[in-house]
Amino acid sequence: MHPTLKRQLKHIYGDPKNTPANLEELVNAISETYEGFDKDRKMIERSIDISSHELSEANQKLRQEKAKIELEVQKRTDELRRKVEDLEKYEEITTGRELKMVELKEQIRNLIEENQKLKANSNSNQTTI
């Protein structure tokens, strides 16, 4: 007999043995029902324990993967930062060079103009002589 049913019958009849005989079949059916519920409850508790354990393991694996990914992201971010710095230095160097070339071209143009003026003045001076 199921302990809960035994306790209930003791409460009602003082002793489960004092339960009327005509209720024996009903008492047995109730006891089997209680035992079935206990069996179902234990199976559900076992399933929950297994699921909980599996979830804990999966969660731990996810944490480890997250840590690996974060480390890789940091590594790649640092690498990109270095490459951006290199590109900025390259841009600074090439821009400076380009500006210097523009300045030199202007100086060459001015020198060519000055040279042409000098030639023209020289030619006009020779013509007057």
N, C-alpha and C. Protein backbone atom coordinates (compact mmCIF):
# COMPACT_ATOMS: atom_id res chain seq x y z
N MET A 1 0.84 -1.18 0.00
CA MET A 1 0.00 0.00 0.00
C MET A 1 0.90 1.25 0.00
N HIS A 2 0.44 2.24 -0.76
CA HIS A 2 1.19 3.49 -0.89
C HIS A 2 1.20 4.23 0.46
N PRO A 3 2.36 4.78 0.86
CA PRO A 3 2.46 5.44 2.16
C PRO A 3 1.47 6.60 2.36
N THR A 4 1.20 7.34 1.31
CA THR A 4 0.27 8.47 1.45
C THR A 4 -1.14 7.95 1.73
N LEU A 5 -1.55 6.92 0.99
CA LEU A 5 -2.88 6.33 1.21
C LEU A 5 -2.95 5.71 2.59
N LYS A 6 -1.88 5.06 3.01
CA LYS A 6 -1.84 4.45 4.34
C LYS A 6 -2.05 5.51 5.42
N ARG A 7 -1.39 6.66 5.26
CA ARG A 7 -1.53 7.76 6.22
C ARG A 7 -2.96 8.31 6.21
N GLN A 8 -3.56 8.42 5.01
CA GLN A 8 -4.93 8.92 4.92
C GLN A 8 -5.92 7.96 5.58
N LEU A 9 -5.74 6.66 5.33
CA LEU A 9 -6.64 5.67 5.95
C LEU A 9 -6.46 5.63 7.46
N LYS A 10 -5.24 5.82 7.92
CA LYS A 10 -4.99 5.85 9.37
C LYS A 10 -5.70 7.05 9.99
N HIS A 11 -5.67 8.18 9.26
CA HIS A 11 -6.32 9.40 9.75
C HIS A 11 -7.84 9.19 9.84
N ILE A 12 -8.41 8.49 8.86
CA ILE A 12 -9.86 8.29 8.82
C ILE A 12 -10.31 7.15 9.73
N TYR A 13 -9.62 5.99 9.68
CA TYR A 13 -10.07 4.79 10.40
C TYR A 13 -9.25 4.46 11.63
N GLY A 14 -8.26 5.27 11.95
CA GLY A 14 -7.43 5.02 13.12
C GLY A 14 -6.32 4.03 12.81
N ASP A 15 -6.61 3.04 12.01
CA ASP A 15 -5.62 2.04 11.56
C ASP A 15 -6.07 1.58 10.17
N PRO A 16 -5.16 1.49 9.21
CA PRO A 16 -5.56 1.08 7.86
C PRO A 16 -6.23 -0.30 7.84
N LYS A 17 -5.95 -1.14 8.84
CA LYS A 17 -6.56 -2.47 8.90
C LYS A 17 -8.06 -2.37 9.19
N ASN A 18 -8.50 -1.23 9.71
CA ASN A 18 -9.91 -1.03 10.04
C ASN A 18 -10.73 -0.56 8.82
N THR A 19 -10.09 -0.45 7.65
CA THR A 19 -10.78 -0.02 6.43
C THR A 19 -11.80 -1.10 6.07
N PRO A 20 -13.04 -0.70 5.76
CA PRO A 20 -14.07 -1.68 5.40
C PRO A 20 -13.63 -2.57 4.23
N ALA A 21 -13.96 -3.83 4.29
CA ALA A 21 -13.54 -4.81 3.29
C ALA A 21 -14.13 -4.49 1.92
N ASN A 22 -15.31 -3.92 1.89
CA ASN A 22 -15.94 -3.62 0.60
C ASN A 22 -15.20 -2.49 -0.16
N LEU A 23 -14.28 -1.80 0.52
CA LEU A 23 -13.49 -0.73 -0.12
C LEU A 23 -12.10 -1.21 -0.54
N GLU A 24 -11.83 -2.50 -0.32
CA GLU A 24 -10.50 -3.03 -0.61
C GLU A 24 -10.11 -2.84 -2.08
N GLU A 25 -11.01 -3.11 -2.99
CA GLU A 25 -10.71 -2.95 -4.42
C GLU A 25 -10.45 -1.48 -4.75
N LEU A 26 -11.24 -0.57 -4.19
CA LEU A 26 -11.05 0.86 -4.41
C LEU A 26 -9.73 1.32 -3.81
N VAL A 27 -9.40 0.87 -2.62
CA VAL A 27 -8.16 1.24 -1.95
C VAL A 27 -6.96 0.77 -2.78
N ASN A 28 -7.04 -0.45 -3.32
CA ASN A 28 -5.94 -0.98 -4.16
C ASN A 28 -5.80 -0.14 -5.44
N ALA A 29 -6.90 0.25 -6.05
CA ALA A 29 -6.84 1.07 -7.26
C ALA A 29 -6.23 2.44 -6.96
N ILE A 30 -6.63 3.01 -5.83
CA ILE A 30 -6.08 4.32 -5.44
C ILE A 30 -4.58 4.19 -5.16
N SER A 31 -4.19 3.13 -4.47
CA SER A 31 -2.78 2.90 -4.16
C SER A 31 -1.96 2.77 -5.46
N GLU A 32 -2.48 2.01 -6.44
CA GLU A 32 -1.79 1.86 -7.72
C GLU A 32 -1.68 3.21 -8.46
N THR A 33 -2.74 4.01 -8.34
CA THR A 33 -2.72 5.34 -8.98
C THR A 33 -1.64 6.20 -8.34
N TYR A 34 -1.58 6.19 -7.00
CA TYR A 34 -0.53 6.95 -6.31
C TYR A 34 0.85 6.48 -6.75
N GLU A 35 1.04 5.17 -6.82
CA GLU A 35 2.33 4.62 -7.22
C GLU A 35 2.66 5.01 -8.67
N GLY A 36 1.65 5.02 -9.54
CA GLY A 36 1.86 5.46 -10.92
C GLY A 36 2.29 6.93 -10.98
N PHE A 37 1.62 7.76 -10.17
CA PHE A 37 2.00 9.18 -10.12
C PHE A 37 3.43 9.34 -9.61
N ASP A 38 3.80 8.57 -8.57
CA ASP A 38 5.17 8.63 -8.05
C ASP A 38 6.18 8.21 -9.12
N LYS A 39 5.85 7.14 -9.85
CA LYS A 39 6.74 6.67 -10.89
C LYS A 39 6.89 7.74 -11.98
N ASP A 40 5.76 8.33 -12.38
CA ASP A 40 5.79 9.40 -13.40
C ASP A 40 6.62 10.60 -12.90
N ARG A 41 6.40 10.99 -11.63
CA ARG A 41 7.12 12.11 -11.06
C ARG A 41 8.63 11.85 -11.04
N LYS A 42 9.02 10.63 -10.65
CA LYS A 42 10.43 10.28 -10.63
C LYS A 42 11.03 10.31 -12.04
N MET A 43 10.26 9.82 -13.02
CA MET A 43 10.74 9.84 -14.39
C MET A 43 10.90 11.30 -14.87
N ILE A 44 9.96 12.16 -14.55
CA ILE A 44 10.04 13.58 -14.93
C ILE A 44 11.24 14.23 -14.24
N GLU A 45 11.42 13.93 -12.94
CA GLU A 45 12.57 14.49 -12.22
C GLU A 45 13.88 14.04 -12.84
N ARG A 46 13.95 12.78 -13.23
CA ARG A 46 15.15 12.24 -13.88
C ARG A 46 15.39 12.93 -15.22
N SER A 47 14.31 13.12 -15.98
CA SER A 47 14.43 13.81 -17.27
C SER A 47 14.91 15.24 -17.08
N ILE A 48 14.38 15.90 -16.08
CA ILE A 48 14.79 17.28 -15.78
C ILE A 48 16.26 17.32 -15.37
N ASP A 49 16.68 16.36 -14.54
CA ASP A 49 18.09 16.30 -14.13
C ASP A 49 19.00 16.09 -15.34
N ILE A 50 18.62 15.19 -16.22
CA ILE A 50 19.44 14.93 -17.41
C ILE A 50 19.47 16.17 -18.30
N SER A 51 18.31 16.77 -18.53
CA SER A 51 18.24 17.97 -19.36
C SER A 51 19.06 19.10 -18.76
N SER A 52 18.95 19.24 -17.44
CA SER A 52 19.70 20.29 -16.75
C SER A 52 21.20 20.08 -16.91
N HIS A 53 21.62 18.84 -16.77
CA HIS A 53 23.05 18.52 -16.93
C HIS A 53 23.50 18.80 -18.37
N GLU A 54 22.70 18.38 -19.34
CA GLU A 54 23.04 18.61 -20.74
C GLU A 54 23.10 20.12 -21.04
N LEU A 55 22.15 20.86 -20.50
CA LEU A 55 22.14 22.31 -20.71
C LEU A 55 23.36 22.97 -20.07
N SER A 56 23.73 22.50 -18.89
CA SER A 56 24.91 23.05 -18.23
C SER A 56 26.16 22.80 -19.06
N GLU A 57 26.28 21.59 -19.59
CA GLU A 57 27.44 21.27 -20.44
C GLU A 57 27.44 22.13 -21.70
N ALA A 58 26.28 22.27 -22.33
CA ALA A 58 26.18 23.08 -23.55
C ALA A 58 26.51 24.54 -23.24
N ASN A 59 26.03 25.02 -22.11
CA ASN A 59 26.30 26.40 -21.70
C ASN A 59 27.79 26.62 -21.47
N GLN A 60 28.44 25.65 -20.84
CA GLN A 60 29.88 25.75 -20.62
C GLN A 60 30.64 25.77 -21.94
N LYS A 61 30.23 24.93 -22.88
CA LYS A 61 30.87 24.91 -24.20
C LYS A 61 30.67 26.25 -24.90
N LEU A 62 29.47 26.81 -24.79
CA LEU A 62 29.21 28.11 -25.40
C LEU A 62 30.08 29.20 -24.79
N ARG A 63 30.25 29.16 -23.48
CA ARG A 63 31.12 30.14 -22.83
C ARG A 63 32.56 30.03 -23.34
N GLN A 64 33.02 28.80 -23.49
CA GLN A 64 34.38 28.58 -23.99
C GLN A 64 34.51 29.09 -25.43
N GLU A 65 33.53 28.79 -26.26
CA GLU A 65 33.55 29.26 -27.64
C GLU A 65 33.49 30.78 -27.69
N LYS A 66 32.68 31.37 -26.83
CA LYS A 66 32.57 32.83 -26.78
C LYS A 66 33.93 33.45 -26.43
N ALA A 67 34.60 32.84 -25.46
CA ALA A 67 35.92 33.35 -25.06
C ALA A 67 36.91 33.25 -26.22
N LYS A 68 36.88 32.14 -26.94
CA LYS A 68 37.77 31.97 -28.09
C LYS A 68 37.46 33.01 -29.16
N ILE A 69 36.19 33.21 -29.43
CA ILE A 69 35.78 34.17 -30.46
C ILE A 69 36.18 35.58 -30.06
N GLU A 70 35.96 35.93 -28.80
CA GLU A 70 36.34 37.27 -28.33
C GLU A 70 37.84 37.48 -28.46
N LEU A 71 38.61 36.46 -28.16
CA LEU A 71 40.07 36.55 -28.29
C LEU A 71 40.46 36.75 -29.76
N GLU A 72 39.83 36.00 -30.64
CA GLU A 72 40.11 36.13 -32.07
C GLU A 72 39.69 37.50 -32.59
N VAL A 73 38.55 37.99 -32.14
CA VAL A 73 38.10 39.33 -32.55
C VAL A 73 39.10 40.39 -32.09
N GLN A 74 39.58 40.27 -30.86
CA GLN A 74 40.56 41.23 -30.34
C GLN A 74 41.84 41.17 -31.16
N LYS A 75 42.27 39.96 -31.48
CA LYS A 75 43.49 39.77 -32.28
C LYS A 75 43.34 40.43 -33.65
N ARG A 76 42.22 40.19 -34.30
CA ARG A 76 41.99 40.76 -35.63
C ARG A 76 41.80 42.28 -35.56
N THR A 77 41.17 42.75 -34.50
CA THR A 77 41.01 44.20 -34.33
C THR A 77 42.36 44.87 -34.19
N ASP A 78 43.24 44.26 -33.40
CA ASP A 78 44.59 44.81 -33.23
C ASP A 78 45.34 44.80 -34.57
N GLU A 79 45.18 43.73 -35.30
CA GLU A 79 45.85 43.62 -36.61
C GLU A 79 45.32 44.70 -37.56
N LEU A 80 44.02 44.89 -37.59
CA LEU A 80 43.44 45.94 -38.45
C LEU A 80 43.89 47.33 -38.02
N ARG A 81 43.98 47.54 -36.71
CA ARG A 81 44.42 48.84 -36.20
C ARG A 81 45.85 49.14 -36.69
N ARG A 82 46.70 48.12 -36.63
CA ARG A 82 48.08 48.30 -37.12
C ARG A 82 48.10 48.60 -38.62
N LYS A 83 47.27 47.90 -39.38
CA LYS A 83 47.23 48.13 -40.81
C LYS A 83 46.71 49.54 -41.14
N VAL A 84 45.72 49.99 -40.38
CA VAL A 84 45.20 51.35 -40.58
C VAL A 84 46.30 52.37 -40.28
N GLU A 85 47.03 52.14 -39.21
CA GLU A 85 48.14 53.05 -38.87
C GLU A 85 49.18 53.07 -39.99
N ASP A 86 49.51 51.89 -40.54
CA ASP A 86 50.46 51.82 -41.65
C ASP A 86 49.94 52.59 -42.87
N LEU A 87 48.65 52.42 -43.16
CA LEU A 87 48.06 53.13 -44.30
C LEU A 87 48.06 54.64 -44.07
N GLU A 88 47.79 55.05 -42.85
CA GLU A 88 47.81 56.48 -42.54
C GLU A 88 49.22 57.06 -42.72
N LYS A 89 50.23 56.30 -42.28
CA LYS A 89 51.62 56.75 -42.48
C LYS A 89 51.94 56.82 -43.97
N TYR A 90 51.53 55.81 -44.72
CA TYR A 90 51.78 55.80 -46.16
C TYR A 90 51.10 57.00 -46.84
N GLU A 91 49.86 57.26 -46.42
CA GLU A 91 49.12 58.39 -46.99
C GLU A 91 49.85 59.71 -46.68
N GLU A 92 50.32 59.83 -45.46
CA GLU A 92 51.04 61.05 -45.08
C GLU A 92 52.31 61.23 -45.93
N ILE A 93 53.03 60.16 -46.14
CA ILE A 93 54.26 60.21 -46.94
C ILE A 93 53.94 60.55 -48.39
N THR A 94 52.97 59.84 -48.97
CA THR A 94 52.67 60.06 -50.38
C THR A 94 52.03 61.42 -50.61
N THR A 95 51.21 61.88 -49.70
CA THR A 95 50.60 63.21 -49.85
C THR A 95 51.68 64.28 -49.78
N GLY A 96 52.61 64.13 -48.87
CA GLY A 96 53.72 65.08 -48.76
C GLY A 96 54.54 65.09 -50.03
N ARG A 97 54.78 63.92 -50.59
CA ARG A 97 55.55 63.81 -51.83
C ARG A 97 54.81 64.47 -52.98
N GLU A 98 53.51 64.23 -53.05
CA GLU A 98 52.70 64.83 -54.11
C GLU A 98 52.71 66.36 -54.01
N LEU A 99 52.58 66.86 -52.80
CA LEU A 99 52.61 68.32 -52.61
C LEU A 99 53.97 68.89 -53.03
N LYS A 100 55.03 68.19 -52.68
CA LYS A 100 56.37 68.63 -53.07
C LYS A 100 56.51 68.63 -54.59
N MET A 101 55.93 67.60 -55.25
CA MET A 101 56.01 67.53 -56.72
C MET A 101 55.25 68.70 -57.35
N VAL A 102 54.09 69.06 -56.81
CA VAL A 102 53.33 70.19 -57.32
C VAL A 102 54.16 71.47 -57.16
N GLU A 103 54.78 71.61 -56.02
CA GLU A 103 55.62 72.79 -55.75
C GLU A 103 56.79 72.85 -56.74
N LEU A 104 57.44 71.72 -56.98
CA LEU A 104 58.57 71.67 -57.91
C LEU A 104 58.12 71.97 -59.34
N LYS A 105 56.96 71.46 -59.74
CA LYS A 105 56.44 71.75 -61.07
C LYS A 105 56.20 73.25 -61.23
N GLU A 106 55.67 73.88 -60.19
CA GLU A 106 55.44 75.33 -60.22
C GLU A 106 56.77 76.07 -60.35
N GLN A 107 57.78 75.64 -59.62
CA GLN A 107 59.09 76.27 -59.71
C GLN A 107 59.69 76.10 -61.12
N ILE A 108 59.52 74.89 -61.69
CA ILE A 108 60.02 74.64 -63.04
C ILE A 108 59.31 75.54 -64.04
N ARG A 109 57.99 75.67 -63.92
CA ARG A 109 57.22 76.52 -64.81
C ARG A 109 57.71 77.97 -64.70
N ASN A 110 57.92 78.42 -63.47
CA ASN A 110 58.41 79.79 -63.25
C ASN A 110 59.80 79.98 -63.86
N LEU A 111 60.65 78.98 -63.69
CA LEU A 111 62.00 79.07 -64.27
C LEU A 111 61.96 79.09 -65.79
N ILE A 112 61.07 78.29 -66.36
CA ILE A 112 60.94 78.27 -67.83
C ILE A 112 60.46 79.63 -68.31
N GLU A 113 59.48 80.20 -67.62
CA GLU A 113 58.97 81.53 -68.00
C GLU A 113 60.08 82.58 -67.87
N GLU A 114 60.81 82.50 -66.78
CA GLU A 114 61.89 83.47 -66.55
C GLU A 114 62.98 83.31 -67.62
N ASN A 115 63.27 82.05 -67.96
CA ASN A 115 64.26 81.78 -68.99
C ASN A 115 63.80 82.34 -70.34
N GLN A 116 62.52 82.14 -70.66
CA GLN A 116 62.00 82.66 -71.93
C GLN A 116 62.06 84.19 -71.97
N LYS A 117 61.76 84.81 -70.85
CA LYS A 117 61.82 86.29 -70.78
C LYS A 117 63.25 86.75 -70.98
N LEU A 118 64.19 86.04 -70.33
CA LEU A 118 65.59 86.41 -70.48
C LEU A 118 66.05 86.26 -71.93
N LYS A 119 65.61 85.19 -72.57
CA LYS A 119 65.96 84.99 -73.98
C LYS A 119 65.35 86.09 -74.84
N ALA A 120 64.12 86.42 -74.54
CA ALA A 120 63.45 87.46 -75.34
C ALA A 120 64.15 88.78 -75.14
N ASN A 121 64.54 89.11 -73.90
CA ASN A 121 65.26 90.36 -73.63
C ASN A 121 66.64 90.32 -74.31
N SER A 122 67.26 89.18 -74.30
CA SER A 122 68.57 89.04 -74.90
C SER A 122 68.45 89.23 -76.43
N ASN A 123 67.44 88.66 -77.01
CA ASN A 123 67.22 88.79 -78.45
C ASN A 123 66.90 90.23 -78.82
N SER A 124 66.11 90.91 -78.02
CA SER A 124 65.75 92.31 -78.32
C SER A 124 66.96 93.22 -78.12
N ASN A 125 67.83 92.88 -77.19
CA ASN A 125 69.05 93.68 -76.98
C ASN A 125 70.02 93.48 -78.14
N GLN A 126 70.07 92.29 -78.65
CA GLN A 126 70.98 92.03 -79.76
C GLN A 126 70.46 92.70 -81.03
N THR A 127 69.19 92.79 -81.18
CA THR A 127 68.61 93.42 -82.36
C THR A 127 68.88 94.91 -82.35
N THR A 128 68.87 95.54 -81.24
CA THR A 128 69.11 96.98 -81.14
C THR A 128 70.58 97.32 -81.30
N ILE A 129 71.41 96.45 -81.16
CA ILE A 129 72.84 96.76 -81.29
C ILE A 129 73.24 96.82 -82.69
